[in-house]
């Protein structure tokens, strides 16, 4: 149990949140702030708890969870009634080792039979130092009951792996050699149209990041959620290109922060405009623009007076 839950005001600008029904939005706010919530973003929530707190009937509660599950926001195991708020760590990151340990203990209480636990351990477990659950069936590619966004991500990754293998194949049984690596600019223009899970956007961002910093970027549940949100704001076609463009941006704030996904998401629309216009607005350019505008405002009356005097003297 917790005393409060964190919700950023920017949620009201989220396209995913705004697309929910009124009941869906109410249930989202309830899950993020209810006293049953935990540091780990997972908790047991029988219908009776929700019915009492929100004053809904059980059928209305079930329909609400169906909507949130279809949108990839939260999922609930029908048997154990354990809930996973998939976007929990987007707003409530673990801040210190003690919180990580406390969250790990909570996760340990989730039954192994819970429909979503295996996927939770794979996606969020590393945040708490937990190992993924062992596969019960190596041939199984997608577990039943996984949120749609993770199903799409798994499918996309498998398609990418297959395409990479196909590229390495050469005719007549010749040795397999990978094709030459594309340049950063080529990668930025050749990325694929994305899916809601953000697979192509992450690939475009991470590839450009490795090119620039010679090290892979950090990827965790929070970053996954931010990439998915970026796709929802910019669209599946433009998000990968803007992500690659952002890593090449030399704005002072971006360079100082080593081009984290946080700033990419924060300035998404502005970066998209710069990318579309084919130019980059750096701090120096912005300062010069401000100075020009200030000078224009200061000298405008003098210029107008001079022009009026010139008009009077002209026969």
C-alpha atoms as a PDB file:
ATOM      1  CA  UNK A   1       0.000   0.000   0.000  1.00  0.00           C
ATOM      2  CA  UNK A   2       1.182   3.563  -0.694  1.00  0.00           C
ATOM      3  CA  UNK A   3       0.130   7.009   0.465  1.00  0.00           C
ATOM      4  CA  UNK A   4       0.127   8.679  -2.942  1.00  0.00           C
ATOM      5  CA  UNK A   5       0.725   8.087  -6.651  1.00  0.00           C
ATOM      6  CA  UNK A   6       2.547  10.365  -9.083  1.00  0.00           C
ATOM      7  CA  UNK A   7       0.736  11.630 -12.200  1.00  0.00           C
ATOM      8  CA  UNK A   8       2.303  14.237 -14.490  1.00  0.00           C
ATOM      9  CA  UNK A   9       0.033  16.956 -15.833  1.00  0.00           C
ATOM     10  CA  UNK A  10       1.304  16.155 -19.342  1.00  0.00           C
ATOM     11  CA  UNK A  11      -0.927  13.071 -19.284  1.00  0.00           C
ATOM     12  CA  UNK A  12      -3.781  15.305 -20.431  1.00  0.00           C
ATOM     13  CA  UNK A  13      -1.819  16.012 -23.615  1.00  0.00           C
ATOM     14  CA  UNK A  14      -1.117  12.345 -24.298  1.00  0.00           C
ATOM     15  CA  UNK A  15      -2.803  11.142 -27.502  1.00  0.00           C
ATOM     16  CA  UNK A  16      -3.146   7.637 -26.043  1.00  0.00           C
ATOM     17  CA  UNK A  17      -4.829   8.933 -22.877  1.00  0.00           C
ATOM     18  CA  UNK A  18      -7.143  11.278 -24.794  1.00  0.00           C
ATOM     19  CA  UNK A  19      -8.214   8.411 -27.048  1.00  0.00           C
ATOM     20  CA  UNK A  20      -9.637   6.495 -24.070  1.00  0.00           C
ATOM     21  CA  UNK A  21     -13.294   6.619 -23.132  1.00  0.00           C
ATOM     22  CA  UNK A  22     -14.384   8.549 -20.054  1.00  0.00           C
ATOM     23  CA  UNK A  23     -14.449   5.304 -18.050  1.00  0.00           C
ATOM     24  CA  UNK A  24     -11.017   4.400 -19.406  1.00  0.00           C
ATOM     25  CA  UNK A  25      -9.509   7.711 -18.288  1.00  0.00           C
ATOM     26  CA  UNK A  26     -11.153   7.393 -14.875  1.00  0.00           C
ATOM     27  CA  UNK A  27      -9.739   3.907 -14.414  1.00  0.00           C
ATOM     28  CA  UNK A  28      -6.275   5.095 -15.476  1.00  0.00           C
ATOM     29  CA  UNK A  29      -6.280   7.842 -12.855  1.00  0.00           C
ATOM     30  CA  UNK A  30      -7.541   5.360 -10.269  1.00  0.00           C
ATOM     31  CA  UNK A  31      -4.785   2.836 -10.990  1.00  0.00           C
ATOM     32  CA  UNK A  32      -2.106   5.524 -10.787  1.00  0.00           C
ATOM     33  CA  UNK A  33      -3.317   6.981  -7.500  1.00  0.00           C
ATOM     34  CA  UNK A  34      -5.203   4.283  -5.591  1.00  0.00           C
ATOM     35  CA  UNK A  35      -3.954   3.122  -2.177  1.00  0.00           C
ATOM     36  CA  UNK A  36      -3.571  -0.445  -3.473  1.00  0.00           C
ATOM     37  CA  UNK A  37      -0.744   0.582  -5.843  1.00  0.00           C
ATOM     38  CA  UNK A  38       2.893  -0.268  -5.197  1.00  0.00           C
ATOM     39  CA  UNK A  39       6.415   0.812  -6.148  1.00  0.00           C
ATOM     40  CA  UNK A  40       6.591  -2.051  -8.635  1.00  0.00           C
ATOM     41  CA  UNK A  41       3.481  -1.048 -10.575  1.00  0.00           C
ATOM     42  CA  UNK A  42       1.852  -4.404  -9.803  1.00  0.00           C
ATOM     43  CA  UNK A  43      -0.766  -5.176  -7.180  1.00  0.00           C
ATOM     44  CA  UNK A  44      -3.732  -7.437  -6.512  1.00  0.00           C
ATOM     45  CA  UNK A  45      -7.015  -5.681  -7.259  1.00  0.00           C
ATOM     46  CA  UNK A  46     -10.221  -7.729  -6.980  1.00  0.00           C
ATOM     47  CA  UNK A  47     -13.397  -6.273  -8.498  1.00  0.00           C
ATOM     48  CA  UNK A  48     -14.754  -5.501  -5.047  1.00  0.00           C
ATOM     49  CA  UNK A  49     -11.938  -3.041  -4.325  1.00  0.00           C
ATOM     50  CA  UNK A  50     -12.592  -1.088  -7.522  1.00  0.00           C
ATOM     51  CA  UNK A  51     -16.364  -1.221  -7.160  1.00  0.00           C
ATOM     52  CA  UNK A  52     -16.114   0.204  -3.643  1.00  0.00           C
ATOM     53  CA  UNK A  53     -13.549   2.908  -4.449  1.00  0.00           C
ATOM     54  CA  UNK A  54     -14.900   4.079  -7.834  1.00  0.00           C
ATOM     55  CA  UNK A  55     -18.541   3.165  -7.132  1.00  0.00           C
ATOM     56  CA  UNK A  56     -18.954   1.114 -10.298  1.00  0.00           C
ATOM     57  CA  UNK A  57     -20.633  -2.213 -10.949  1.00  0.00           C
ATOM     58  CA  UNK A  58     -18.472  -5.281 -11.657  1.00  0.00           C
ATOM     59  CA  UNK A  59     -19.452  -5.370 -15.343  1.00  0.00           C
ATOM     60  CA  UNK A  60     -18.358  -1.761 -15.790  1.00  0.00           C
ATOM     61  CA  UNK A  61     -15.057  -2.549 -14.073  1.00  0.00           C
ATOM     62  CA  UNK A  62     -14.426  -5.507 -16.385  1.00  0.00           C
ATOM     63  CA  UNK A  63     -15.128  -3.432 -19.495  1.00  0.00           C
ATOM     64  CA  UNK A  64     -12.768  -0.735 -18.222  1.00  0.00           C
ATOM     65  CA  UNK A  65      -9.913  -3.208 -17.827  1.00  0.00           C
ATOM     66  CA  UNK A  66     -10.617  -4.647 -21.278  1.00  0.00           C
ATOM     67  CA  UNK A  67     -10.173  -1.186 -22.792  1.00  0.00           C
ATOM     68  CA  UNK A  68      -6.928  -0.474 -20.915  1.00  0.00           C
ATOM     69  CA  UNK A  69      -5.555  -3.865 -21.915  1.00  0.00           C
ATOM     70  CA  UNK A  70      -6.375  -3.273 -25.592  1.00  0.00           C
ATOM     71  CA  UNK A  71      -4.596   0.107 -25.423  1.00  0.00           C
ATOM     72  CA  UNK A  72      -1.504  -1.363 -23.751  1.00  0.00           C
ATOM     73  CA  UNK A  73      -1.856   0.733 -20.592  1.00  0.00           C
ATOM     74  CA  UNK A  74      -2.635  -1.946 -18.009  1.00  0.00           C
ATOM     75  CA  UNK A  75      -3.459  -5.627 -17.907  1.00  0.00           C
ATOM     76  CA  UNK A  76      -5.078  -7.816 -15.253  1.00  0.00           C
ATOM     77  CA  UNK A  77      -4.875 -11.556 -14.790  1.00  0.00           C
ATOM     78  CA  UNK A  78      -8.510 -12.767 -14.608  1.00  0.00           C
ATOM     79  CA  UNK A  79      -7.682 -15.651 -12.281  1.00  0.00           C
ATOM     80  CA  UNK A  80      -5.448 -14.042  -9.643  1.00  0.00           C
ATOM     81  CA  UNK A  81      -6.754 -10.465 -10.121  1.00  0.00           C
ATOM     82  CA  UNK A  82      -3.190  -9.131 -10.112  1.00  0.00           C
ATOM     83  CA  UNK A  83      -2.815  -5.917 -12.145  1.00  0.00           C
ATOM     84  CA  UNK A  84       0.215  -4.628 -14.041  1.00  0.00           C
ATOM     85  CA  UNK A  85       0.162  -0.901 -14.849  1.00  0.00           C
ATOM     86  CA  UNK A  86       2.380  -1.168 -17.918  1.00  0.00           C
ATOM     87  CA  UNK A  87       3.220   2.545 -18.028  1.00  0.00           C
ATOM     88  CA  UNK A  88       3.886   2.777 -14.274  1.00  0.00           C
ATOM     89  CA  UNK A  89       7.650   3.338 -14.555  1.00  0.00           C
ATOM     90  CA  UNK A  90       7.091   6.101 -17.103  1.00  0.00           C
ATOM     91  CA  UNK A  91       5.866   8.276 -14.222  1.00  0.00           C
ATOM     92  CA  UNK A  92       7.248   6.496 -11.136  1.00  0.00           C
ATOM     93  CA  UNK A  93      10.858   5.459 -11.676  1.00  0.00           C
ATOM     94  CA  UNK A  94      12.784   3.680  -8.912  1.00  0.00           C
ATOM     95  CA  UNK A  95      15.050   6.268  -7.313  1.00  0.00           C
ATOM     96  CA  UNK A  96      17.452   4.303  -5.100  1.00  0.00           C
ATOM     97  CA  UNK A  97      18.624   0.745  -4.225  1.00  0.00           C
ATOM     98  CA  UNK A  98      16.232   0.500  -1.294  1.00  0.00           C
ATOM     99  CA  UNK A  99      13.252   1.134  -3.556  1.00  0.00           C
ATOM    100  CA  UNK A 100      14.569  -1.484  -5.988  1.00  0.00           C
ATOM    101  CA  UNK A 101      14.747  -4.058  -3.179  1.00  0.00           C
ATOM    102  CA  UNK A 102      11.266  -3.180  -1.949  1.00  0.00           C
ATOM    103  CA  UNK A 103       9.849  -3.456  -5.467  1.00  0.00           C
ATOM    104  CA  UNK A 104      11.557  -6.830  -5.966  1.00  0.00           C
ATOM    105  CA  UNK A 105       9.859  -8.178  -2.827  1.00  0.00           C
ATOM    106  CA  UNK A 106       6.485  -7.092  -4.151  1.00  0.00           C
ATOM    107  CA  UNK A 107       7.107  -8.783  -7.492  1.00  0.00           C
ATOM    108  CA  UNK A 108       7.984 -11.974  -5.619  1.00  0.00           C
ATOM    109  CA  UNK A 109       4.406 -12.137  -4.352  1.00  0.00           C
ATOM    110  CA  UNK A 110       2.965 -12.286  -7.874  1.00  0.00           C
ATOM    111  CA  UNK A 111       2.011 -15.917  -8.655  1.00  0.00           C
ATOM    112  CA  UNK A 112       4.141 -17.543 -11.352  1.00  0.00           C
ATOM    113  CA  UNK A 113       0.894 -18.636 -13.008  1.00  0.00           C
ATOM    114  CA  UNK A 114      -0.111 -14.992 -13.534  1.00  0.00           C
ATOM    115  CA  UNK A 115      -0.689 -14.472 -17.274  1.00  0.00           C
ATOM    116  CA  UNK A 116       1.541 -11.405 -17.566  1.00  0.00           C
ATOM    117  CA  UNK A 117       4.322 -12.160 -15.040  1.00  0.00           C
ATOM    118  CA  UNK A 118       6.772 -13.634 -17.557  1.00  0.00           C
ATOM    119  CA  UNK A 119       6.582 -10.535 -19.743  1.00  0.00           C
ATOM    120  CA  UNK A 120       6.812  -8.232 -16.733  1.00  0.00           C
ATOM    121  CA  UNK A 121       9.984  -9.987 -15.564  1.00  0.00           C
ATOM    122  CA  UNK A 122      11.523  -9.639 -19.025  1.00  0.00           C
ATOM    123  CA  UNK A 123      10.665  -5.953 -19.436  1.00  0.00           C
ATOM    124  CA  UNK A 124      10.799  -4.571 -15.886  1.00  0.00           C
ATOM    125  CA  UNK A 125      12.815  -7.160 -13.973  1.00  0.00           C
ATOM    126  CA  UNK A 126      16.219  -5.643 -14.879  1.00  0.00           C
ATOM    127  CA  UNK A 127      15.202  -2.398 -13.151  1.00  0.00           C
ATOM    128  CA  UNK A 128      15.140  -4.320  -9.866  1.00  0.00           C
ATOM    129  CA  UNK A 129      18.037  -6.667 -10.579  1.00  0.00           C
ATOM    130  CA  UNK A 130      15.684  -9.596 -11.231  1.00  0.00           C
ATOM    131  CA  UNK A 131      16.376 -12.299 -13.804  1.00  0.00           C
ATOM    132  CA  UNK A 132      13.761 -13.187 -16.451  1.00  0.00           C
ATOM    133  CA  UNK A 133      11.665 -16.274 -15.809  1.00  0.00           C
ATOM    134  CA  UNK A 134      12.956 -19.406 -17.594  1.00  0.00           C
ATOM    135  CA  UNK A 135      11.126 -20.343 -20.776  1.00  0.00           C
ATOM    136  CA  UNK A 136       8.739 -23.245 -20.373  1.00  0.00           C
ATOM    137  CA  UNK A 137       8.507 -23.768 -24.123  1.00  0.00           C
ATOM    138  CA  UNK A 138      11.463 -22.541 -26.228  1.00  0.00           C
ATOM    139  CA  UNK A 139       9.375 -22.782 -29.419  1.00  0.00           C
ATOM    140  CA  UNK A 140       6.750 -20.399 -28.049  1.00  0.00           C
ATOM    141  CA  UNK A 141       7.271 -16.913 -29.483  1.00  0.00           C
ATOM    142  CA  UNK A 142       4.484 -14.938 -27.878  1.00  0.00           C
ATOM    143  CA  UNK A 143       2.797 -15.813 -24.590  1.00  0.00           C
ATOM    144  CA  UNK A 144      -0.948 -15.717 -24.331  1.00  0.00           C
ATOM    145  CA  UNK A 145      -2.309 -12.620 -22.692  1.00  0.00           C
ATOM    146  CA  UNK A 146       0.639 -10.319 -23.516  1.00  0.00           C
ATOM    147  CA  UNK A 147      -0.226  -6.646 -24.085  1.00  0.00           C
ATOM    148  CA  UNK A 148      -0.604  -5.800 -27.784  1.00  0.00           C
ATOM    149  CA  UNK A 149       2.333  -3.387 -27.841  1.00  0.00           C
ATOM    150  CA  UNK A 150       4.747  -6.104 -26.686  1.00  0.00           C
ATOM    151  CA  UNK A 151       3.344  -8.606 -29.176  1.00  0.00           C
ATOM    152  CA  UNK A 152       4.056  -6.135 -31.948  1.00  0.00           C
ATOM    153  CA  UNK A 153       7.556  -5.495 -30.626  1.00  0.00           C
ATOM    154  CA  UNK A 154       8.352  -9.226 -30.489  1.00  0.00           C
ATOM    155  CA  UNK A 155       7.039  -9.676 -34.057  1.00  0.00           C
ATOM    156  CA  UNK A 156       8.977  -6.691 -35.344  1.00  0.00           C
ATOM    157  CA  UNK A 157      12.235  -7.876 -33.799  1.00  0.00           C
ATOM    158  CA  UNK A 158      11.845 -11.320 -35.349  1.00  0.00           C
ATOM    159  CA  UNK A 159      11.199  -9.755 -38.764  1.00  0.00           C
ATOM    160  CA  UNK A 160      14.325  -7.624 -38.363  1.00  0.00           C
ATOM    161  CA  UNK A 161      16.414 -10.689 -37.468  1.00  0.00           C
ATOM    162  CA  UNK A 162      15.102 -12.569 -40.505  1.00  0.00           C
ATOM    163  CA  UNK A 163      15.904  -9.658 -42.824  1.00  0.00           C
ATOM    164  CA  UNK A 164      19.435  -9.422 -41.434  1.00  0.00           C
ATOM    165  CA  UNK A 165      19.973 -13.127 -42.113  1.00  0.00           C
ATOM    166  CA  UNK A 166      18.566 -12.760 -45.638  1.00  0.00           C
ATOM    167  CA  UNK A 167      20.991  -9.908 -46.341  1.00  0.00           C
ATOM    168  CA  UNK A 168      23.928 -12.106 -45.390  1.00  0.00           C
ATOM    169  CA  UNK A 169      22.931 -14.839 -47.857  1.00  0.00           C
ATOM    170  CA  UNK A 170      24.800 -14.913 -51.186  1.00  0.00           C
ATOM    171  CA  UNK A 171      24.009 -17.076 -54.281  1.00  0.00           C
ATOM    172  CA  UNK A 172      25.682 -20.362 -55.256  1.00  0.00           C
ATOM    173  CA  UNK A 173      26.635 -21.306 -51.728  1.00  0.00           C
ATOM    174  CA  UNK A 174      29.283 -18.572 -51.493  1.00  0.00           C
ATOM    175  CA  UNK A 175      30.495 -17.516 -48.032  1.00  0.00           C
ATOM    176  CA  UNK A 176      28.209 -15.218 -46.108  1.00  0.00           C
ATOM    177  CA  UNK A 177      29.428 -11.686 -45.543  1.00  0.00           C
ATOM    178  CA  UNK A 178      27.389  -8.826 -44.084  1.00  0.00           C
ATOM    179  CA  UNK A 179      26.674  -5.917 -46.379  1.00  0.00           C
ATOM    180  CA  UNK A 180      28.664  -2.704 -45.823  1.00  0.00           C
ATOM    181  CA  UNK A 181      27.408  -0.593 -42.947  1.00  0.00           C
ATOM    182  CA  UNK A 182      25.370   2.418 -44.059  1.00  0.00           C
ATOM    183  CA  UNK A 183      26.429   5.915 -43.094  1.00  0.00           C
ATOM    184  CA  UNK A 184      24.530   7.812 -40.432  1.00  0.00           C
ATOM    185  CA  UNK A 185      22.774  10.049 -42.978  1.00  0.00           C
ATOM    186  CA  UNK A 186      21.723   7.023 -45.018  1.00  0.00           C
ATOM    187  CA  UNK A 187      20.351   5.318 -41.937  1.00  0.00           C
ATOM    188  CA  UNK A 188      18.398   8.418 -40.992  1.00  0.00           C
ATOM    189  CA  UNK A 189      16.588   8.404 -44.334  1.00  0.00           C
ATOM    190  CA  UNK A 190      16.243   4.644 -44.777  1.00  0.00           C
ATOM    191  CA  UNK A 191      14.513   3.725 -41.504  1.00  0.00           C
ATOM    192  CA  UNK A 192      11.232   1.865 -41.767  1.00  0.00           C
ATOM    193  CA  UNK A 193       7.723   2.953 -40.966  1.00  0.00           C
ATOM    194  CA  UNK A 194       7.221   2.172 -37.295  1.00  0.00           C
ATOM    195  CA  UNK A 195       4.675   0.208 -35.293  1.00  0.00           C
ATOM    196  CA  UNK A 196       2.958   1.518 -32.123  1.00  0.00           C
ATOM    197  CA  UNK A 197       5.540  -0.300 -29.983  1.00  0.00           C
ATOM    198  CA  UNK A 198       8.345   1.846 -31.407  1.00  0.00           C
ATOM    199  CA  UNK A 199      10.698  -0.872 -32.686  1.00  0.00           C
ATOM    200  CA  UNK A 200      11.875   1.032 -35.762  1.00  0.00           C
ATOM    201  CA  UNK A 201      12.147   4.286 -33.819  1.00  0.00           C
ATOM    202  CA  UNK A 202      14.346   2.639 -31.202  1.00  0.00           C
ATOM    203  CA  UNK A 203      16.521   1.058 -33.898  1.00  0.00           C
ATOM    204  CA  UNK A 204      16.954   4.423 -35.644  1.00  0.00           C
ATOM    205  CA  UNK A 205      17.760   6.183 -32.377  1.00  0.00           C
ATOM    206  CA  UNK A 206      20.163   3.536 -31.043  1.00  0.00           C
ATOM    207  CA  UNK A 207      21.997   3.160 -34.368  1.00  0.00           C
ATOM    208  CA  UNK A 208      22.584   6.913 -34.616  1.00  0.00           C
ATOM    209  CA  UNK A 209      23.544   6.969 -30.920  1.00  0.00           C
ATOM    210  CA  UNK A 210      26.201   4.270 -31.351  1.00  0.00           C
ATOM    211  CA  UNK A 211      27.549   6.124 -34.391  1.00  0.00           C
ATOM    212  CA  UNK A 212      27.944   9.284 -32.334  1.00  0.00           C
ATOM    213  CA  UNK A 213      29.006   7.990 -28.925  1.00  0.00           C
ATOM    214  CA  UNK A 214      30.495   4.558 -29.766  1.00  0.00           C
ATOM    215  CA  UNK A 215      28.337   3.055 -27.022  1.00  0.00           C
ATOM    216  CA  UNK A 216      24.744   1.797 -26.923  1.00  0.00           C
ATOM    217  CA  UNK A 217      22.076   3.937 -25.224  1.00  0.00           C
ATOM    218  CA  UNK A 218      20.341   2.809 -22.041  1.00  0.00           C
ATOM    219  CA  UNK A 219      17.125   0.887 -22.627  1.00  0.00           C
ATOM    220  CA  UNK A 220      14.638   0.062 -19.883  1.00  0.00           C
ATOM    221  CA  UNK A 221      10.896   0.096 -19.237  1.00  0.00           C
ATOM    222  CA  UNK A 222      10.832   3.884 -18.951  1.00  0.00           C
ATOM    223  CA  UNK A 223      12.648   4.338 -22.272  1.00  0.00           C
ATOM    224  CA  UNK A 224      10.368   1.799 -23.985  1.00  0.00           C
ATOM    225  CA  UNK A 225       7.335   3.742 -22.800  1.00  0.00           C
ATOM    226  CA  UNK A 226       8.849   7.046 -23.958  1.00  0.00           C
ATOM    227  CA  UNK A 227       9.615   5.652 -27.420  1.00  0.00           C
ATOM    228  CA  UNK A 228       6.040   4.358 -27.735  1.00  0.00           C
ATOM    229  CA  UNK A 229       4.747   7.779 -26.672  1.00  0.00           C
ATOM    230  CA  UNK A 230       6.988   9.451 -29.262  1.00  0.00           C
ATOM    231  CA  UNK A 231       5.443   7.292 -31.993  1.00  0.00           C
ATOM    232  CA  UNK A 232       1.940   8.219 -30.815  1.00  0.00           C
ATOM    233  CA  UNK A 233       2.820  11.935 -30.979  1.00  0.00           C
ATOM    234  CA  UNK A 234       4.739  12.060 -34.273  1.00  0.00           C
ATOM    235  CA  UNK A 235       3.266   9.123 -36.144  1.00  0.00           C
ATOM    236  CA  UNK A 236       4.754   5.790 -37.177  1.00  0.00           C
ATOM    237  CA  UNK A 237       6.336   7.127 -40.356  1.00  0.00           C
ATOM    238  CA  UNK A 238       8.103  10.227 -39.039  1.00  0.00           C
ATOM    239  CA  UNK A 239       9.115   9.161 -35.515  1.00  0.00           C
ATOM    240  CA  UNK A 240      12.141   7.030 -36.601  1.00  0.00           C
ATOM    241  CA  UNK A 241      13.493   9.797 -38.817  1.00  0.00           C
ATOM    242  CA  UNK A 242      13.083  12.481 -36.168  1.00  0.00           C
ATOM    243  CA  UNK A 243      14.778  10.211 -33.588  1.00  0.00           C
ATOM    244  CA  UNK A 244      17.830   9.769 -35.838  1.00  0.00           C
ATOM    245  CA  UNK A 245      17.847  13.504 -36.646  1.00  0.00           C
ATOM    246  CA  UNK A 246      17.789  14.334 -32.931  1.00  0.00           C
ATOM    247  CA  UNK A 247      20.981  12.348 -32.183  1.00  0.00           C
ATOM    248  CA  UNK A 248      22.798  14.378 -34.824  1.00  0.00           C
ATOM    249  CA  UNK A 249      21.525  17.661 -33.337  1.00  0.00           C
ATOM    250  CA  UNK A 250      24.270  19.849 -31.839  1.00  0.00           C
ATOM    251  CA  UNK A 251      22.051  21.910 -29.580  1.00  0.00           C
ATOM    252  CA  UNK A 252      23.896  22.671 -26.334  1.00  0.00           C
ATOM    253  CA  UNK A 253      21.254  21.134 -24.068  1.00  0.00           C
ATOM    254  CA  UNK A 254      21.115  17.937 -26.148  1.00  0.00           C
ATOM    255  CA  UNK A 255      24.895  17.512 -26.265  1.00  0.00           C
ATOM    256  CA  UNK A 256      25.226  18.188 -22.534  1.00  0.00           C
ATOM    257  CA  UNK A 257      22.610  15.511 -21.791  1.00  0.00           C
ATOM    258  CA  UNK A 258      24.189  13.103 -24.339  1.00  0.00           C
ATOM    259  CA  UNK A 259      20.958  13.028 -26.341  1.00  0.00           C
ATOM    260  CA  UNK A 260      18.761  11.195 -23.855  1.00  0.00           C
ATOM    261  CA  UNK A 261      15.296  10.024 -24.889  1.00  0.00           C
ATOM    262  CA  UNK A 262      13.809  12.343 -22.242  1.00  0.00           C
ATOM    263  CA  UNK A 263      14.725  15.448 -24.267  1.00  0.00           C
ATOM    264  CA  UNK A 264      13.730  13.782 -27.534  1.00  0.00           C
ATOM    265  CA  UNK A 265      10.229  13.244 -26.157  1.00  0.00           C
ATOM    266  CA  UNK A 266      10.079  16.678 -24.512  1.00  0.00           C
ATOM    267  CA  UNK A 267      10.894  18.556 -27.742  1.00  0.00           C
ATOM    268  CA  UNK A 268       9.325  16.065 -30.167  1.00  0.00           C
ATOM    269  CA  UNK A 269       7.186  18.489 -32.156  1.00  0.00           C
ATOM    270  CA  UNK A 270       9.891  21.151 -32.375  1.00  0.00           C
ATOM    271  CA  UNK A 271      12.466  18.628 -33.562  1.00  0.00           C
ATOM    272  CA  UNK A 272       9.999  17.319 -36.108  1.00  0.00           C
ATOM    273  CA  UNK A 273       9.599  20.847 -37.516  1.00  0.00           C
ATOM    274  CA  UNK A 274      13.380  21.303 -37.748  1.00  0.00           C
ATOM    275  CA  UNK A 275      13.755  17.923 -39.425  1.00  0.00           C
ATOM    276  CA  UNK A 276      10.975  18.720 -41.911  1.00  0.00           C
ATOM    277  CA  UNK A 277      12.555  22.092 -42.740  1.00  0.00           C
ATOM    278  CA  UNK A 278      15.957  20.488 -43.172  1.00  0.00           C
ATOM    279  CA  UNK A 279      17.663  22.761 -40.654  1.00  0.00           C
ATOM    280  CA  UNK A 280      18.746  22.706 -37.014  1.00  0.00           C
ATOM    281  CA  UNK A 281      18.030  25.547 -34.616  1.00  0.00           C
ATOM    282  CA  UNK A 282      21.029  25.648 -32.279  1.00  0.00           C
ATOM    283  CA  UNK A 283      21.363  27.779 -29.160  1.00  0.00           C
ATOM    284  CA  UNK A 284      23.601  30.223 -30.999  1.00  0.00           C
ATOM    285  CA  UNK A 285      21.070  30.615 -33.815  1.00  0.00           C
ATOM    286  CA  UNK A 286      18.250  31.138 -31.361  1.00  0.00           C
ATOM    287  CA  UNK A 287      20.273  33.772 -29.452  1.00  0.00           C
ATOM    288  CA  UNK A 288      21.105  35.598 -32.687  1.00  0.00           C
ATOM    289  CA  UNK A 289      17.427  35.562 -33.675  1.00  0.00           C
ATOM    290  CA  UNK A 290      16.486  37.068 -30.319  1.00  0.00           C
ATOM    291  CA  UNK A 291      19.168  39.756 -30.685  1.00  0.00           C
ATOM    292  CA  UNK A 292      17.981  40.622 -34.200  1.00  0.00           C
ATOM    293  CA  UNK A 293      14.399  40.930 -33.063  1.00  0.00           C
ATOM    294  CA  UNK A 294      15.439  43.125 -30.094  1.00  0.00           C
ATOM    295  CA  UNK A 295      17.424  45.442 -32.357  1.00  0.00           C
ATOM    296  CA  UNK A 296      14.538  45.644 -34.798  1.00  0.00           C
ATOM    297  CA  UNK A 297      12.170  46.637 -31.997  1.00  0.00           C
ATOM    298  CA  UNK A 298      14.581  49.222 -30.588  1.00  0.00           C
ATOM    299  CA  UNK A 299      15.351  50.983 -33.875  1.00  0.00           C
ATOM    300  CA  UNK A 300      11.925  50.701 -35.493  1.00  0.00           C
ATOM    301  CA  UNK A 301      10.759  54.197 -34.350  1.00  0.00           C
ATOM    302  CA  UNK A 302      13.971  55.831 -35.603  1.00  0.00           C
ATOM    303  CA  UNK A 303      13.709  54.096 -38.964  1.00  0.00           C
ATOM    304  CA  UNK A 304      10.072  55.136 -39.310  1.00  0.00           C
ATOM    305  CA  UNK A 305      10.929  58.783 -38.483  1.00  0.00           C
ATOM    306  CA  UNK A 306      13.753  58.824 -41.023  1.00  0.00           C
ATOM    307  CA  UNK A 307      11.507  57.402 -43.708  1.00  0.00           C
ATOM    308  CA  UNK A 308       8.830  60.039 -42.975  1.00  0.00           C
ATOM    309  CA  UNK A 309      11.394  62.883 -43.159  1.00  0.00           C
ATOM    310  CA  UNK A 310      12.724  61.526 -46.451  1.00  0.00           C
ATOM    311  CA  UNK A 311       9.200  61.452 -47.870  1.00  0.00           C
ATOM    312  CA  UNK A 312       8.628  65.125 -46.902  1.00  0.00           C
ATOM    313  CA  UNK A 313      11.877  66.277 -48.525  1.00  0.00           C
ATOM    314  CA  UNK A 314      11.204  64.420 -51.773  1.00  0.00           C
ATOM    315  CA  UNK A 315       9.620  66.857 -54.337  1.00  0.00           C
END
